[in-house]
Amino acid sequence: MFLLIAYTILLVASEFVRISDDLFYDFLNRSLSHERINRLLEESKDWKWVTYLFFPSLLIIKFFMVATCFSTGTLVLGIESSFKKLFQSAINVEFIFLVPPIIKLFWFSLYRTDFTLDDLQYFSPLSVFSLFNPTQVEPFLV
């Protein structure tokens, strides 16, 4: 339960703290008209509630899938374990995936406040990708 709340708080905080309409205007101004950008932003605000509704259920499905993979591994190795323990393990190992979004949120909220959507997209803390220049990496690897 704590994990779902933490992910939801990060989702809400990242949308309201980091991303402003000006970022979208600057990024999309090269390829779309001003009216089209306005319509896209209005539509995204109208459908934002769907993200908040489905995100917890998708996260629970992810836990079940990871626990099923763990279960398959224990079956192949001949280790006896209950699905409940494997599900709890899947939830516990998911906490490590909270660290990069937290770093990203604090980085762009406190340290680097002037950024573009490209900067936000290509910033990958605690990742090997952060060692390379994003423009030199093949697009299919990003």
Foldseek 3Di string as FASTA:
>chain_A
DVVLVLVLVLVVLCCVQADDLVLQCVVCVVPDDPVVSVVVVVVCVVCVVVCVVCVVVVVLVVLLVQLVVVVVVCVVVVHDDDSVVSSVVSVVVCVVVSVFSVCLSCCCRPPNVDDHVVCSVQDTPPDPSVVDDVVPDDPVVD
